[in-house]
Amino acid sequence: MRRAVVFIGGSRDIATALQLAVSGNVHALARAGVVVPKAGRRAKGQSGVSHQKLSAPGGPDWGALERELADAGGETVLLVVPALLRMGGATTKQRAVVKRLQGLADEVCVVSVVADQLTLINEYYVHHVATWRTSARLEDLFSKLFHNDVFVHERLLRPWYEDSPVRYVALPYQTYVDGNPVQVVLRAAGVSVPEMPPPEAGVLTLGSVGVEANRLLSTYLRAEIPDFRPDAKPVVEASRAALVRADKLGWCADDFWGWTPRAANMTLARFDASNHRFARAVWSTDWPLAYPLGRASTQLDFLDLDVPVVDQVHQYVVTMARRTGVAMGVHT
């Protein structure tokens, strides 16, 4: 009997942690009888293994996957397809993907990771600052993020635990981060694998100084570069380089936490009832994940930084702005 385990993520950082863990454990997984197909993978990047090309039911990648698995051993197939998370209801596309998945194995298990909304919204904001999609402060985006349905687990995941013929497993966030992500995911799906060490490469996220530096940099780039687009390939590559530079400066060593107690309690009130309904449906229990309501905000203001740090931030902004401008053919 062959089992297919399909990881659909939970957030960008949650998905990246699994993708990096898979990259570092491919050989160990093979020895344990877990096949990580080459077919369907996106071009090799910094965020590890991802079978994103399988998020659509058609195309040559599904045929290549079927041929690869026909010749492969192993009782378990592991696919990492975060794009499936937001497919919506039992749409024609979702049903077609599920049908393709069922054709691969005798049993299909879809796994996602569920976290409290404070953690998810905070992560969402930090990612958008790091990729220069926003230069706003978190409190200025609160009302927009607060009402984004993507953070409503009950709405986002219902198609997988109510309307889908495949098995669905929701992993609590703390369980996921307390071990090797790939090991935790496979065991949650009922696949026995040996102990695996923590991944050598982790997910880089900006700390408080890094967030403030990138807010300033993003503001400067928008003012100096005509038609600035954060999704343009040269900008994407420059922002990745900037994150590496920020890490070398020690700006990824701490956690950014931007919520005020008032905003935290508003978030709890907004999502609590829905979270309990979701938990009862998938875990047969009340919502078990604690909200970090008392965690102090680490949000900084540039004017409050020490002089040596101000100098570092200034040099960082100048250097990365120049590099981005050169990449886009613009002098800054």
Protein backbone atom coordinates (compact mmCIF):
# COMPACT_ATOMS: atom_id res chain seq x y z
CA MET A 1 0.00 0.00 0.00
CA ARG A 2 1.35 3.41 -0.93
CA ARG A 3 0.50 6.57 1.00
CA ALA A 4 0.83 10.12 -0.34
CA VAL A 5 1.43 12.84 2.25
CA VAL A 6 0.73 16.31 0.87
CA PHE A 7 1.93 19.27 2.93
CA ILE A 8 0.01 22.46 2.17
CA GLY A 9 1.72 24.73 4.69
CA GLY A 10 0.02 27.23 6.97
CA SER A 11 1.96 30.43 6.28
CA ARG A 12 5.01 31.36 4.25
CA ASP A 13 7.50 30.80 7.08
CA ILE A 14 5.78 27.59 8.17
CA ALA A 15 5.99 26.23 4.62
CA THR A 16 9.59 27.36 4.17
CA ALA A 17 10.65 25.57 7.37
CA LEU A 18 9.33 22.27 5.96
CA GLN A 19 10.83 22.90 2.52
CA LEU A 20 14.28 23.49 4.03
CA ALA A 21 13.94 20.44 6.27
CA VAL A 22 13.07 18.25 3.28
CA SER A 23 16.08 19.57 1.36
CA GLY A 24 18.41 18.64 4.21
CA ASN A 25 16.92 15.19 4.78
CA VAL A 26 16.26 13.79 1.30
CA HIS A 27 18.71 10.90 1.72
CA ALA A 28 17.50 10.05 5.23
CA LEU A 29 13.93 10.07 3.96
CA ALA A 30 14.83 7.74 1.09
CA ARG A 31 16.38 5.29 3.57
CA ALA A 32 13.14 5.41 5.54
CA GLY A 33 11.08 4.56 2.45
CA VAL A 34 9.85 8.12 1.80
CA VAL A 35 10.07 9.27 -1.82
CA VAL A 36 10.44 13.00 -2.47
CA PRO A 37 9.74 13.22 -6.23
CA LYS A 38 11.78 15.40 -8.53
CA ALA A 39 8.83 15.90 -10.87
CA GLY A 40 6.69 18.92 -10.17
CA ARG A 41 9.36 20.86 -8.31
CA ARG A 42 9.82 24.53 -9.01
CA ALA A 43 13.25 25.76 -10.06
CA LYS A 44 15.77 25.35 -7.27
CA GLY A 45 15.70 28.32 -4.93
CA GLN A 46 16.68 29.42 -1.47
CA SER A 47 13.54 28.14 0.23
CA GLY A 48 14.01 24.41 -0.32
CA VAL A 49 11.93 21.69 -1.98
CA SER A 50 8.51 22.70 -3.27
CA HIS A 51 6.28 20.87 -5.75
CA GLN A 52 4.46 24.06 -6.70
CA LYS A 53 4.01 22.94 -10.31
CA LEU A 54 1.46 20.40 -9.03
CA SER A 55 -0.91 23.07 -7.75
CA ALA A 56 -2.77 22.88 -11.07
CA PRO A 57 -4.29 19.57 -12.24
CA GLY A 58 -3.14 19.77 -15.85
CA GLY A 59 0.23 20.12 -17.48
CA PRO A 60 3.18 17.80 -18.09
CA ASP A 61 4.40 17.73 -14.49
CA TRP A 62 1.64 15.38 -13.35
CA GLY A 63 2.49 12.93 -16.12
CA ALA A 64 6.18 13.14 -15.22
CA LEU A 65 5.28 12.50 -11.57
CA GLU A 66 3.23 9.42 -12.43
CA ARG A 67 6.09 8.01 -14.52
CA GLU A 68 8.62 8.72 -11.78
CA LEU A 69 6.53 7.04 -9.10
CA ALA A 70 5.88 4.01 -11.31
CA ASP A 71 9.61 3.30 -11.24
CA ALA A 72 10.22 4.34 -7.63
CA GLY A 73 10.26 2.23 -4.51
CA GLY A 74 9.10 3.43 -1.12
CA GLU A 75 5.76 3.14 0.61
CA THR A 76 5.31 6.90 1.12
CA VAL A 77 5.37 9.82 -1.29
CA LEU A 78 5.94 13.28 0.21
CA LEU A 79 4.73 16.28 -1.78
CA VAL A 80 5.13 19.90 -0.66
CA VAL A 81 2.48 22.06 -2.35
CA PRO A 82 1.75 25.20 -0.28
CA ALA A 83 -0.33 26.72 -3.10
CA LEU A 84 -3.07 24.17 -2.40
CA LEU A 85 -3.81 25.84 0.94
CA ARG A 86 -5.79 28.69 -0.59
CA MET A 87 -7.73 26.89 -3.27
CA GLY A 88 -11.02 27.83 -1.65
CA GLY A 89 -14.11 25.65 -1.56
CA ALA A 90 -14.74 22.40 -3.39
CA THR A 91 -13.99 24.08 -6.69
CA THR A 92 -13.53 22.32 -9.99
CA LYS A 93 -9.78 22.89 -9.65
CA GLN A 94 -9.62 21.43 -6.16
CA ARG A 95 -11.63 18.35 -7.15
CA ALA A 96 -9.36 17.82 -10.16
CA VAL A 97 -6.20 18.05 -8.03
CA VAL A 98 -7.63 15.67 -5.43
CA LYS A 99 -8.51 13.19 -8.18
CA ARG A 100 -4.92 13.32 -9.48
CA LEU A 101 -3.62 12.81 -5.95
CA GLN A 102 -5.87 9.80 -5.41
CA GLY A 103 -4.49 8.28 -8.59
CA LEU A 104 -0.98 8.32 -7.08
CA ALA A 105 -1.58 6.29 -3.95
CA ASP A 106 -4.00 4.09 -2.03
CA GLU A 107 -4.30 6.72 0.69
CA VAL A 108 -3.86 10.51 0.56
CA CYS A 109 -3.25 12.59 3.69
CA VAL A 110 -3.23 16.39 3.48
CA VAL A 111 -1.40 18.17 6.32
CA SER A 112 -1.37 21.84 7.30
CA VAL A 113 -0.05 23.73 10.33
CA VAL A 114 -2.40 25.90 12.38
CA ALA A 115 -1.19 28.84 14.50
CA ASP A 116 -2.85 31.61 16.49
CA GLN A 117 -3.70 34.68 14.45
CA LEU A 118 -1.36 37.00 16.35
CA THR A 119 1.60 34.90 15.28
CA LEU A 120 0.32 34.62 11.70
CA ILE A 121 -0.42 38.33 11.25
CA ASN A 122 2.90 39.30 12.80
CA GLU A 123 4.73 36.93 10.44
CA TYR A 124 2.75 38.23 7.46
CA TYR A 125 3.78 41.78 8.27
CA VAL A 126 7.47 40.96 8.78
CA HIS A 127 7.59 39.14 5.44
CA HIS A 128 6.03 42.10 3.63
CA VAL A 129 8.55 44.47 5.20
CA ALA A 130 11.46 42.17 4.32
CA THR A 131 10.35 41.98 0.69
CA TRP A 132 9.69 45.75 0.51
CA ARG A 133 5.99 45.30 -0.17
CA THR A 134 5.19 47.79 2.57
CA SER A 135 6.92 50.59 4.43
CA ALA A 136 4.05 51.16 6.86
CA ARG A 137 4.13 50.46 10.56
CA LEU A 138 2.17 47.47 11.75
CA GLU A 139 -0.46 49.47 13.59
CA ASP A 140 -1.24 51.34 10.36
CA LEU A 141 -2.03 48.05 8.61
CA PHE A 142 -3.89 46.51 11.52
CA SER A 143 -7.42 47.16 10.33
CA LYS A 144 -6.66 45.70 6.89
CA LEU A 145 -4.94 42.57 8.24
CA PHE A 146 -7.45 42.16 11.03
CA HIS A 147 -10.27 41.64 8.52
CA ASN A 148 -8.38 39.41 6.07
CA ASP A 149 -10.24 36.12 5.78
CA VAL A 150 -7.01 34.26 5.07
CA PHE A 151 -6.49 34.17 8.85
CA VAL A 152 -9.86 32.48 9.49
CA HIS A 153 -8.95 28.77 9.77
CA GLU A 154 -12.57 27.69 9.72
CA ARG A 155 -13.14 29.34 6.34
CA LEU A 156 -9.76 28.63 4.76
CA LEU A 157 -9.51 24.94 5.70
CA ARG A 158 -13.11 23.73 5.70
CA PRO A 159 -12.78 22.37 2.13
CA TRP A 160 -10.13 19.96 3.40
CA TYR A 161 -11.86 18.71 6.54
CA GLU A 162 -15.47 18.71 5.30
CA ASP A 163 -15.72 18.60 1.52
CA SER A 164 -12.68 16.59 0.48
CA PRO A 165 -12.51 12.79 0.15
CA VAL A 166 -8.90 12.74 1.37
CA ARG A 167 -7.77 12.59 4.99
CA TYR A 168 -6.89 15.94 6.56
CA VAL A 169 -4.59 16.52 9.57
CA ALA A 170 -4.18 19.89 11.30
CA LEU A 171 -0.89 20.23 13.17
CA PRO A 172 -0.77 22.69 16.10
CA TYR A 173 1.99 25.23 15.55
CA GLN A 174 3.85 24.49 18.79
CA THR A 175 4.02 20.77 17.98
CA TYR A 176 5.42 21.65 14.57
CA VAL A 177 8.18 23.99 15.79
CA ASP A 178 9.28 21.75 18.66
CA GLY A 179 10.84 19.16 16.33
CA ASN A 180 12.25 18.58 12.87
CA PRO A 181 9.35 19.81 10.65
CA VAL A 182 9.50 16.96 8.13
CA GLN A 183 9.59 14.34 10.88
CA VAL A 184 6.66 15.96 12.70
CA VAL A 185 4.57 16.19 9.53
CA LEU A 186 5.17 12.59 8.49
CA ARG A 187 4.44 11.20 11.94
CA ALA A 188 1.22 13.23 12.11
CA ALA A 189 0.22 11.55 8.84
CA GLY A 190 0.91 8.13 10.37
CA VAL A 191 4.29 7.53 8.73
CA SER A 192 7.01 6.13 11.00
CA VAL A 193 10.41 7.71 10.41
CA PRO A 194 13.60 7.67 12.51
CA GLU A 195 14.70 10.63 14.60
CA MET A 196 16.08 13.44 12.49
CA PRO A 197 18.30 16.31 13.66
CA PRO A 198 17.05 19.89 13.37
CA PRO A 199 17.58 21.41 9.90
CA GLU A 200 20.94 23.10 9.44
CA ALA A 201 19.32 26.02 7.61
CA GLY A 202 16.52 27.90 9.31
CA VAL A 203 14.05 30.51 8.12
CA LEU A 204 15.53 34.01 8.24
CA THR A 205 13.18 36.61 9.70
CA LEU A 206 13.90 40.22 10.55
CA GLY A 207 14.21 41.35 14.14
CA SER A 208 13.16 44.77 15.39
CA VAL A 209 16.10 46.79 14.01
CA GLY A 210 15.87 44.95 10.70
CA VAL A 211 12.18 45.78 10.38
CA GLU A 212 12.80 49.47 10.98
CA ALA A 213 15.78 49.51 8.58
CA ASN A 214 13.73 47.87 5.84
CA ARG A 215 10.80 50.23 6.38
CA LEU A 216 13.18 53.13 5.76
CA LEU A 217 14.80 51.39 2.79
CA SER A 218 11.42 50.61 1.22
CA THR A 219 10.34 54.24 1.62
CA TYR A 220 13.58 55.44 -0.01
CA LEU A 221 13.29 53.00 -2.94
CA ARG A 222 9.75 54.08 -3.71
CA ALA A 223 10.84 57.71 -3.75
CA GLU A 224 13.96 57.21 -5.87
CA ILE A 225 13.11 54.43 -8.35
CA PRO A 226 10.40 55.14 -10.94
CA ASP A 227 7.71 52.45 -11.19
CA PHE A 228 9.20 50.54 -8.26
CA ARG A 229 7.66 47.05 -8.06
CA PRO A 230 8.59 44.69 -5.21
CA ASP A 231 7.66 41.65 -7.32
CA ALA A 232 10.08 42.55 -10.16
CA LYS A 233 12.80 39.92 -10.43
CA PRO A 234 15.74 42.32 -9.75
CA VAL A 235 13.94 43.65 -6.65
CA VAL A 236 13.15 40.14 -5.37
CA GLU A 237 16.80 39.16 -5.73
CA ALA A 238 17.96 42.39 -4.06
CA SER A 239 15.58 41.93 -1.12
CA ARG A 240 16.89 38.40 -0.59
CA ALA A 241 20.44 39.75 -0.56
CA ALA A 242 19.33 42.43 1.89
CA LEU A 243 17.93 39.79 4.26
CA VAL A 244 21.26 37.95 4.22
CA ARG A 245 23.05 41.21 4.93
CA ALA A 246 20.64 41.99 7.77
CA ASP A 247 21.36 38.58 9.25
CA LYS A 248 25.12 39.25 9.16
CA LEU A 249 24.47 42.52 11.01
CA GLY A 250 22.67 40.56 13.73
CA TRP A 251 19.24 41.91 12.83
CA CYS A 252 17.69 38.45 12.55
CA ALA A 253 18.87 37.26 15.96
CA ASP A 254 15.82 38.53 17.84
CA ASP A 255 12.09 38.33 17.19
CA PHE A 256 9.99 41.23 16.01
CA TRP A 257 6.70 41.56 17.85
CA GLY A 258 4.61 44.55 16.91
CA TRP A 259 1.31 44.15 18.73
CA THR A 260 0.01 46.38 21.47
CA PRO A 261 -2.10 44.71 24.20
CA ARG A 262 -5.21 46.45 22.85
CA ALA A 263 -4.66 45.09 19.34
CA ALA A 264 -3.94 41.62 20.73
CA ASN A 265 -7.20 41.52 22.66
CA MET A 266 -9.12 42.81 19.65
CA THR A 267 -7.63 39.98 17.61
CA LEU A 268 -8.64 37.42 20.23
CA ALA A 269 -12.21 38.73 20.20
CA ARG A 270 -12.31 38.64 16.40
CA PHE A 271 -11.11 35.05 15.92
CA ASP A 272 -11.81 33.19 19.17
CA ALA A 273 -15.28 31.81 18.43
CA SER A 274 -14.29 30.71 14.93
CA ASN A 275 -11.14 29.04 16.27
CA HIS A 276 -13.20 27.01 18.76
CA ARG A 277 -15.53 25.84 15.98
CA PHE A 278 -12.55 24.82 13.87
CA ALA A 279 -10.89 22.98 16.78
CA ARG A 280 -14.06 21.06 17.63
CA ALA A 281 -14.39 20.00 14.00
CA VAL A 282 -10.80 18.78 13.50
CA TRP A 283 -9.58 17.93 17.02
CA SER A 284 -12.85 17.34 18.90
CA THR A 285 -11.72 19.80 21.53
CA ASP A 286 -11.80 23.50 22.30
CA TRP A 287 -9.12 25.70 20.73
CA PRO A 288 -5.89 24.57 22.44
CA LEU A 289 -3.39 27.18 21.24
CA ALA A 290 -2.53 30.00 23.62
CA TYR A 291 -2.62 33.60 22.44
CA PRO A 292 0.57 35.44 23.46
CA LEU A 293 -1.46 38.37 24.76
CA GLY A 294 1.10 39.51 27.30
CA ARG A 295 4.12 39.50 25.00
CA ALA A 296 5.72 42.94 24.97
CA SER A 297 6.01 44.84 21.71
CA THR A 298 9.54 45.13 20.33
CA GLN A 299 8.65 47.66 17.63
CA LEU A 300 11.30 50.38 17.40
CA ASP A 301 11.49 53.89 16.03
CA PHE A 302 14.55 55.04 14.09
CA LEU A 303 14.96 58.09 16.35
CA ASP A 304 15.24 55.85 19.41
CA LEU A 305 18.18 53.81 18.08
CA ASP A 306 21.67 54.25 19.50
CA VAL A 307 24.09 56.25 17.35
CA PRO A 308 26.21 53.24 16.23
CA VAL A 309 23.05 51.41 15.18
CA VAL A 310 21.78 54.49 13.34
CA ASP A 311 25.05 54.53 11.40
CA GLN A 312 24.60 50.82 10.54
CA VAL A 313 21.05 51.41 9.36
CA HIS A 314 22.13 54.38 7.25
CA GLN A 315 24.90 52.39 5.58
CA TYR A 316 22.53 49.47 5.02
CA VAL A 317 19.92 51.68 3.34
CA VAL A 318 22.51 53.39 1.11
CA THR A 319 24.22 50.13 0.13
CA MET A 320 21.04 48.16 -0.63
CA ALA A 321 19.41 51.09 -2.43
CA ARG A 322 22.44 51.44 -4.68
CA ARG A 323 22.50 47.69 -5.35
CA THR A 324 18.79 47.63 -6.17
CA GLY A 325 19.08 50.65 -8.43
CA VAL A 326 21.96 49.12 -10.37
CA ALA A 327 20.00 45.86 -10.76
CA MET A 328 17.09 47.83 -12.21
CA GLY A 329 19.26 50.03 -14.40
CA VAL A 330 18.55 53.10 -12.26
CA HIS A 331 21.14 55.18 -10.40
CA THR A 332 20.13 56.03 -6.84
